[in-house]
């Protein structure tokens, strides 16, 4: 019998519920194989550490069937060696899988593993392949054909992907809402962003951090093609200019978070475009209960002036400079130290007055 403290705890927890006890009747359970499938499925849904179930499935047919039927979310980031082999052995049994995390500390995942996932896990909606340095466009081609229902994809740090791979993937995975391309320098180009704008009009969140090949053409394509965009990280995209921000301000009314760290070409013109767009949309947002920008990082954007950033801060009440909230981040902009949100100003006003004593 496979012994596991966590499995036993889950079993005991379920046995304490009346409905399970009734269904079990007086049947004696001495082995895991004696547990009915319904109870195994419930245990699968309760266990947090999937290592336990995977080990059990190696020796128990019941567990193998329970995993195949009931496991919808799986994290294998704990696997420090031979992750590819583990994925290849498990994927054919996980046909109902919806969420899979394969984040790695050291690169070990290979294309053949992702191809196996794509061949068997057609209901997959959420996939994390971050830091998979060994993966190539072969993986993206496989996912395009095998996992068209992807809604969330994290391939941050996958430096071997190309923009043609992203272009191909988005042609099939049109339901994407959350996409993380942080550090994918070769994959995140204007060509890729044009494809995303053309194919993924449901996109809500995109991370392009440190993708230095991203330019205005790509960001403007995003703005025009993804009107539901809410979160966009352009930190380190050193080529973009005010034109990118202006397009986002005019075409993405739901934008709440924007990262422009180290985008040194950004000037006051971009800030005022955000202010102007908020003014135009104010009545619409009031009806829908939306607040506009809630997070903005303009650290190292040294061309900005206090008047423009203060106008922006005044326009968006959710942008805070006060201690503990800091949703308007301005690190490295020494000329913006006078910019403060409304509550920071109010807090300053509420400080007790301490009269100066003059020496006689």
Protein backbone atom coordinates (compact mmCIF):
# COMPACT_ATOMS: atom_id res chain seq x y z
CA UNK A 1 0.00 0.00 0.00
CA UNK A 2 1.31 3.46 -0.88
CA UNK A 3 1.67 5.35 2.35
CA UNK A 4 1.53 9.12 2.41
CA UNK A 5 0.66 11.44 5.26
CA UNK A 6 -1.03 13.92 2.92
CA UNK A 7 -3.11 11.25 1.15
CA UNK A 8 -4.18 9.80 4.49
CA UNK A 9 -5.16 13.23 5.79
CA UNK A 10 -7.28 13.88 2.69
CA UNK A 11 -8.89 10.47 3.02
CA UNK A 12 -9.73 11.03 6.68
CA UNK A 13 -11.09 14.48 5.91
CA UNK A 14 -13.44 13.11 3.26
CA UNK A 15 -14.54 10.18 5.43
CA UNK A 16 -15.70 12.68 8.03
CA UNK A 17 -18.23 14.10 5.54
CA UNK A 18 -21.60 12.40 5.70
CA UNK A 19 -22.16 11.85 1.99
CA UNK A 20 -18.94 9.89 1.52
CA UNK A 21 -19.55 7.77 4.63
CA UNK A 22 -23.01 6.83 3.37
CA UNK A 23 -21.69 5.81 -0.02
CA UNK A 24 -18.93 3.73 1.53
CA UNK A 25 -21.34 1.97 3.87
CA UNK A 26 -19.56 -0.54 6.06
CA UNK A 27 -17.07 -1.58 3.40
CA UNK A 28 -13.64 -2.16 4.89
CA UNK A 29 -10.72 -0.31 3.32
CA UNK A 30 -7.35 -1.93 3.81
CA UNK A 31 -5.70 -0.93 0.52
CA UNK A 32 -5.93 2.14 -1.71
CA UNK A 33 -7.37 -0.13 -4.39
CA UNK A 34 -10.45 -0.61 -2.17
CA UNK A 35 -11.34 3.08 -2.41
CA UNK A 36 -14.05 3.80 -5.00
CA UNK A 37 -13.18 6.04 -7.96
CA UNK A 38 -15.41 8.89 -6.79
CA UNK A 39 -13.44 9.16 -3.56
CA UNK A 40 -10.09 8.92 -5.35
CA UNK A 41 -11.16 11.81 -7.60
CA UNK A 42 -12.07 13.88 -4.57
CA UNK A 43 -8.69 13.15 -2.98
CA UNK A 44 -6.92 14.14 -6.21
CA UNK A 45 -8.69 17.51 -6.09
CA UNK A 46 -7.57 18.10 -2.48
CA UNK A 47 -3.89 17.11 -2.65
CA UNK A 48 -1.56 20.10 -3.06
CA UNK A 49 1.71 18.20 -3.53
CA UNK A 50 1.25 16.29 -6.79
CA UNK A 51 4.45 14.32 -6.19
CA UNK A 52 2.44 12.17 -3.81
CA UNK A 53 -0.18 11.22 -6.40
CA UNK A 54 2.39 10.67 -9.14
CA UNK A 55 4.32 8.27 -6.93
CA UNK A 56 1.11 6.46 -5.98
CA UNK A 57 0.09 6.14 -9.63
CA UNK A 58 3.22 4.13 -10.37
CA UNK A 59 1.95 1.18 -8.31
CA UNK A 60 -1.84 1.56 -8.22
CA UNK A 61 -4.16 1.25 -11.22
CA UNK A 62 -6.87 3.15 -9.36
CA UNK A 63 -4.65 6.17 -8.89
CA UNK A 64 -3.61 6.07 -12.55
CA UNK A 65 -7.26 6.17 -13.60
CA UNK A 66 -8.06 8.89 -11.06
CA UNK A 67 -5.25 11.08 -12.36
CA UNK A 68 -6.36 10.55 -15.95
CA UNK A 69 -9.94 11.50 -15.12
CA UNK A 70 -9.63 14.05 -12.36
CA UNK A 71 -6.31 15.89 -12.47
CA UNK A 72 -6.90 19.27 -14.11
CA UNK A 73 -4.08 21.32 -12.52
CA UNK A 74 -0.49 20.13 -12.23
CA UNK A 75 2.79 21.73 -11.16
CA UNK A 76 6.07 19.92 -11.85
CA UNK A 77 8.44 22.74 -10.90
CA UNK A 78 9.69 20.60 -8.02
CA UNK A 79 11.33 18.24 -10.53
CA UNK A 80 15.02 19.15 -10.58
CA UNK A 81 16.21 16.44 -12.99
CA UNK A 82 14.77 14.63 -16.01
CA UNK A 83 11.65 16.82 -16.24
CA UNK A 84 11.31 15.99 -19.95
CA UNK A 85 11.11 12.25 -19.23
CA UNK A 86 8.56 12.81 -16.47
CA UNK A 87 6.37 14.95 -18.76
CA UNK A 88 6.62 12.41 -21.58
CA UNK A 89 5.50 9.61 -19.25
CA UNK A 90 2.65 11.60 -17.65
CA UNK A 91 1.17 13.60 -20.54
CA UNK A 92 -0.62 10.67 -22.24
CA UNK A 93 -2.51 10.05 -18.96
CA UNK A 94 -3.55 13.70 -18.44
CA UNK A 95 -6.10 14.26 -21.16
CA UNK A 96 -8.28 16.50 -18.95
CA UNK A 97 -5.41 18.75 -17.89
CA UNK A 98 -6.23 22.48 -17.97
CA UNK A 99 -3.28 24.05 -16.16
CA UNK A 100 0.39 22.96 -16.23
CA UNK A 101 3.37 24.65 -14.59
CA UNK A 102 6.81 23.58 -15.82
CA UNK A 103 8.89 26.46 -14.50
CA UNK A 104 12.55 25.47 -14.03
CA UNK A 105 15.55 26.66 -12.05
CA UNK A 106 17.91 25.08 -14.55
CA UNK A 107 16.96 24.40 -18.18
CA UNK A 108 16.01 20.77 -18.75
CA UNK A 109 12.73 20.75 -20.70
CA UNK A 110 13.11 19.77 -24.37
CA UNK A 111 10.89 20.12 -27.44
CA UNK A 112 9.87 16.46 -27.41
CA UNK A 113 8.21 16.96 -24.01
CA UNK A 114 6.14 19.94 -25.20
CA UNK A 115 5.23 18.02 -28.36
CA UNK A 116 3.94 15.19 -26.16
CA UNK A 117 1.84 17.67 -24.16
CA UNK A 118 0.38 19.12 -27.36
CA UNK A 119 -0.42 15.63 -28.65
CA UNK A 120 -2.44 14.61 -25.59
CA UNK A 121 -3.57 17.65 -23.57
CA UNK A 122 -5.96 19.38 -25.95
CA UNK A 123 -7.95 21.10 -23.16
CA UNK A 124 -4.90 22.92 -21.79
CA UNK A 125 -5.68 26.57 -21.04
CA UNK A 126 -2.80 27.69 -18.80
CA UNK A 127 0.83 26.75 -19.53
CA UNK A 128 4.01 27.98 -17.83
CA UNK A 129 7.25 27.16 -19.67
CA UNK A 130 9.32 29.98 -18.19
CA UNK A 131 13.12 29.66 -18.28
CA UNK A 132 12.99 26.80 -20.78
CA UNK A 133 16.16 27.84 -22.60
CA UNK A 134 16.37 24.60 -24.56
CA UNK A 135 13.00 24.94 -26.27
CA UNK A 136 12.85 26.01 -29.92
CA UNK A 137 10.08 27.01 -32.32
CA UNK A 138 9.22 23.30 -32.63
CA UNK A 139 7.44 23.64 -29.30
CA UNK A 140 5.44 26.65 -30.47
CA UNK A 141 4.40 24.88 -33.67
CA UNK A 142 3.23 21.87 -31.62
CA UNK A 143 1.23 24.03 -29.20
CA UNK A 144 -0.37 25.88 -32.11
CA UNK A 145 -1.85 22.65 -33.43
CA UNK A 146 -2.45 20.72 -30.21
CA UNK A 147 -3.52 23.39 -27.69
CA UNK A 148 -5.67 25.96 -29.50
CA UNK A 149 -7.61 26.72 -26.29
CA UNK A 150 -4.65 28.32 -24.50
CA UNK A 151 -5.75 31.39 -22.56
CA UNK A 152 -2.58 31.99 -20.52
CA UNK A 153 0.97 31.31 -21.71
CA UNK A 154 4.21 32.14 -19.90
CA UNK A 155 7.35 31.68 -21.98
CA UNK A 156 9.43 34.35 -20.22
CA UNK A 157 13.15 33.75 -20.54
CA UNK A 158 12.77 31.31 -23.44
CA UNK A 159 15.52 32.89 -25.48
CA UNK A 160 15.55 30.41 -28.38
CA UNK A 161 12.08 31.25 -29.71
CA UNK A 162 11.81 33.41 -32.83
CA UNK A 163 9.25 36.00 -33.89
CA UNK A 164 8.14 33.65 -36.69
CA UNK A 165 7.32 31.06 -34.01
CA UNK A 166 5.15 33.60 -32.16
CA UNK A 167 3.50 34.62 -35.42
CA UNK A 168 2.63 30.99 -36.16
CA UNK A 169 1.39 30.27 -32.61
CA UNK A 170 -0.96 33.26 -32.48
CA UNK A 171 -2.47 32.27 -35.80
CA UNK A 172 -3.99 29.24 -34.02
CA UNK A 173 -4.15 30.22 -30.33
CA UNK A 174 -6.55 33.11 -30.76
CA UNK A 175 -8.07 32.87 -27.26
CA UNK A 176 -4.93 34.12 -25.50
CA UNK A 177 -5.68 36.65 -22.75
CA UNK A 178 -2.41 36.60 -20.79
CA UNK A 179 0.97 36.32 -22.52
CA UNK A 180 4.40 36.68 -20.89
CA UNK A 181 7.30 37.25 -23.28
CA UNK A 182 9.64 38.91 -20.78
CA UNK A 183 13.24 38.48 -21.91
CA UNK A 184 12.29 36.79 -25.19
CA UNK A 185 14.48 39.15 -27.19
CA UNK A 186 14.39 37.17 -30.43
CA UNK A 187 10.69 36.35 -30.23
CA UNK A 188 9.27 39.74 -29.24
CA UNK A 189 9.73 41.94 -32.30
CA UNK A 190 7.43 44.23 -34.25
CA UNK A 191 6.63 41.29 -36.55
CA UNK A 192 5.46 39.22 -33.57
CA UNK A 193 3.45 42.10 -32.09
CA UNK A 194 1.76 42.74 -35.41
CA UNK A 195 0.69 39.08 -35.45
CA UNK A 196 -0.57 39.32 -31.86
CA UNK A 197 -2.55 42.44 -32.71
CA UNK A 198 -3.98 40.73 -35.77
CA UNK A 199 -4.91 37.43 -34.11
CA UNK A 200 -5.40 37.91 -30.36
CA UNK A 201 -8.08 40.53 -29.92
CA UNK A 202 -9.05 39.11 -26.48
CA UNK A 203 -5.58 39.82 -25.04
CA UNK A 204 -5.68 41.54 -21.64
CA UNK A 205 -2.14 41.24 -20.30
CA UNK A 206 1.23 41.27 -22.10
CA UNK A 207 4.72 41.35 -20.60
CA UNK A 208 7.41 42.57 -23.00
CA UNK A 209 9.98 43.42 -20.35
CA UNK A 210 13.53 43.80 -21.68
CA UNK A 211 12.54 42.96 -25.24
CA UNK A 212 14.79 45.57 -26.81
CA UNK A 213 13.69 44.85 -30.39
CA UNK A 214 10.16 46.10 -29.72
CA UNK A 215 9.40 49.39 -31.44
CA UNK A 216 6.52 51.77 -32.05
CA UNK A 217 5.20 49.79 -35.04
CA UNK A 218 4.68 46.73 -32.87
CA UNK A 219 3.13 48.53 -29.89
CA UNK A 220 0.82 50.52 -32.12
CA UNK A 221 -0.33 47.28 -33.77
CA UNK A 222 -1.11 45.93 -30.29
CA UNK A 223 -3.05 49.04 -29.37
CA UNK A 224 -5.18 48.85 -32.51
CA UNK A 225 -5.71 45.09 -32.41
CA UNK A 226 -6.16 44.46 -28.66
CA UNK A 227 -8.71 46.97 -27.35
CA UNK A 228 -9.24 44.99 -24.13
CA UNK A 229 -5.58 45.33 -23.06
CA UNK A 230 -5.36 46.06 -19.33
CA UNK A 231 -1.75 45.38 -18.35
CA UNK A 232 1.30 46.08 -20.52
CA UNK A 233 4.91 45.90 -19.39
CA UNK A 234 7.31 47.70 -21.74
CA UNK A 235 10.14 48.03 -19.22
CA UNK A 236 13.47 48.11 -21.00
CA UNK A 237 11.92 48.49 -24.47
CA UNK A 238 14.39 51.27 -25.23
CA UNK A 239 13.28 51.87 -28.82
CA UNK A 240 9.71 52.97 -28.16
CA UNK A 241 8.71 56.63 -28.19
CA UNK A 242 5.71 58.76 -27.29
CA UNK A 243 3.87 57.38 -30.33
CA UNK A 244 3.46 54.02 -28.57
CA UNK A 245 1.95 55.55 -25.44
CA UNK A 246 -0.32 57.84 -27.47
CA UNK A 247 -1.70 54.85 -29.38
CA UNK A 248 -2.31 52.98 -26.12
CA UNK A 249 -4.00 56.01 -24.57
CA UNK A 250 -6.33 56.42 -27.54
CA UNK A 251 -7.12 52.78 -28.32
CA UNK A 252 -6.99 50.84 -25.02
CA UNK A 253 -9.66 52.32 -22.73
CA UNK A 254 -9.31 49.58 -20.09
CA UNK A 255 -5.54 49.99 -19.54
CA UNK A 256 -4.84 49.97 -15.79
CA UNK A 257 -1.12 49.07 -15.58
CA UNK A 258 1.72 50.35 -17.76
CA UNK A 259 5.45 49.75 -17.30
CA UNK A 260 7.82 52.20 -19.00
CA UNK A 261 10.94 51.70 -16.91
CA UNK A 262 14.09 52.82 -18.74
CA UNK A 263 12.12 53.98 -21.81
CA UNK A 264 14.22 57.11 -22.06
CA UNK A 265 12.55 58.37 -25.26
CA UNK A 266 9.28 58.97 -23.42
CA UNK A 267 8.50 62.67 -22.93
CA UNK A 268 5.73 64.88 -21.54
CA UNK A 269 3.80 64.38 -24.75
CA UNK A 270 3.08 60.79 -23.73
CA UNK A 271 1.94 61.82 -20.24
CA UNK A 272 -0.43 64.46 -21.56
CA UNK A 273 -1.90 61.97 -24.05
CA UNK A 274 -2.88 59.74 -21.11
CA UNK A 275 -4.41 62.75 -19.32
CA UNK A 276 -6.31 63.82 -22.43
CA UNK A 277 -7.66 60.31 -23.11
CA UNK A 278 -8.86 60.04 -19.51
CA UNK A 279 -10.78 63.29 -19.91
CA UNK A 280 -12.52 61.99 -23.04
CA UNK A 281 -13.45 58.70 -21.37
CA UNK A 282 -14.37 60.06 -17.94
CA UNK A 283 -18.15 59.87 -18.33
CA UNK A 284 -17.95 56.33 -19.80
CA UNK A 285 -15.67 55.16 -17.00
CA UNK A 286 -17.95 56.71 -14.38
CA UNK A 287 -20.85 54.67 -15.71
CA UNK A 288 -18.82 51.47 -15.65
CA UNK A 289 -17.08 52.14 -12.34
CA UNK A 290 -13.59 52.12 -13.89
CA UNK A 291 -10.73 54.19 -12.53
CA UNK A 292 -8.23 54.22 -15.38
CA UNK A 293 -4.52 53.79 -14.63
CA UNK A 294 -3.79 52.16 -11.28
CA UNK A 295 -0.10 51.38 -11.80
CA UNK A 296 2.57 53.26 -13.76
CA UNK A 297 6.34 52.78 -13.74
CA UNK A 298 8.27 55.68 -15.27
CA UNK A 299 11.56 55.02 -13.46
CA UNK A 300 14.61 56.30 -15.39
CA UNK A 301 12.37 58.21 -17.83
CA UNK A 302 14.56 61.23 -17.28
CA UNK A 303 13.04 63.44 -20.01
CA UNK A 304 9.78 63.86 -18.06
CA UNK A 305 9.02 67.10 -16.19
CA UNK A 306 7.18 67.58 -12.89
CA UNK A 307 4.26 69.49 -14.41
CA UNK A 308 3.34 66.71 -16.84
CA UNK A 309 3.67 63.90 -14.29
CA UNK A 310 1.75 65.89 -11.66
CA UNK A 311 -1.06 66.46 -14.18
CA UNK A 312 -1.14 62.70 -14.75
CA UNK A 313 -1.15 61.98 -11.02
CA UNK A 314 -4.01 64.44 -10.47
CA UNK A 315 -5.99 62.86 -13.30
CA UNK A 316 -5.73 59.27 -12.06
CA UNK A 317 -6.63 59.06 -8.33
CA UNK A 318 -5.45 55.44 -8.09
CA UNK A 319 -1.83 56.49 -8.81
CA UNK A 320 -0.09 56.92 -5.47
CA UNK A 321 3.31 58.27 -4.47
CA UNK A 322 2.62 57.95 -0.74
CA UNK A 323 4.50 55.53 1.47
CA UNK A 324 3.30 51.94 1.33
CA UNK A 325 1.17 52.32 -1.81
CA UNK A 326 3.61 53.50 -4.50
CA UNK A 327 1.64 52.68 -7.63
CA UNK A 328 3.39 55.55 -9.41
CA UNK A 329 7.05 54.53 -9.49
CA UNK A 330 9.57 57.23 -10.40
CA UNK A 331 12.94 55.84 -9.23
CA UNK A 332 15.93 57.57 -10.78
CA UNK A 333 13.93 60.66 -11.81
CA UNK A 334 15.49 63.18 -9.42
CA UNK A 335 13.65 66.06 -11.08
CA UNK A 336 10.26 64.52 -10.17
CA UNK A 337 10.64 64.61 -6.38
CA UNK A 338 8.01 67.37 -6.16
CA UNK A 339 5.30 65.14 -7.67
CA UNK A 340 2.81 63.87 -5.06
CA UNK A 341 -0.57 62.17 -5.08
CA UNK A 342 -3.57 63.79 -3.41
CA UNK A 343 -3.44 61.67 -0.25
CA UNK A 344 0.28 62.37 0.23
CA UNK A 345 -0.45 66.11 0.04
CA UNK A 346 -3.37 65.68 2.47
CA UNK A 347 -1.18 63.72 4.89
CA UNK A 348 1.37 66.51 4.79
CA UNK A 349 -1.34 69.07 5.55
CA UNK A 350 -2.55 67.03 8.51
CA UNK A 351 0.85 67.07 10.22
CA UNK A 352 0.65 68.90 13.56
CA UNK A 353 1.92 72.44 13.51
CA UNK A 354 5.04 72.88 15.59
CA UNK A 355 5.83 76.56 16.21
CA UNK A 356 9.42 77.71 15.98
CA UNK A 357 10.84 79.11 19.19
CA UNK A 358 13.10 82.06 18.68
CA UNK A 359 15.88 82.62 21.10
CA UNK A 360 15.62 85.98 22.91
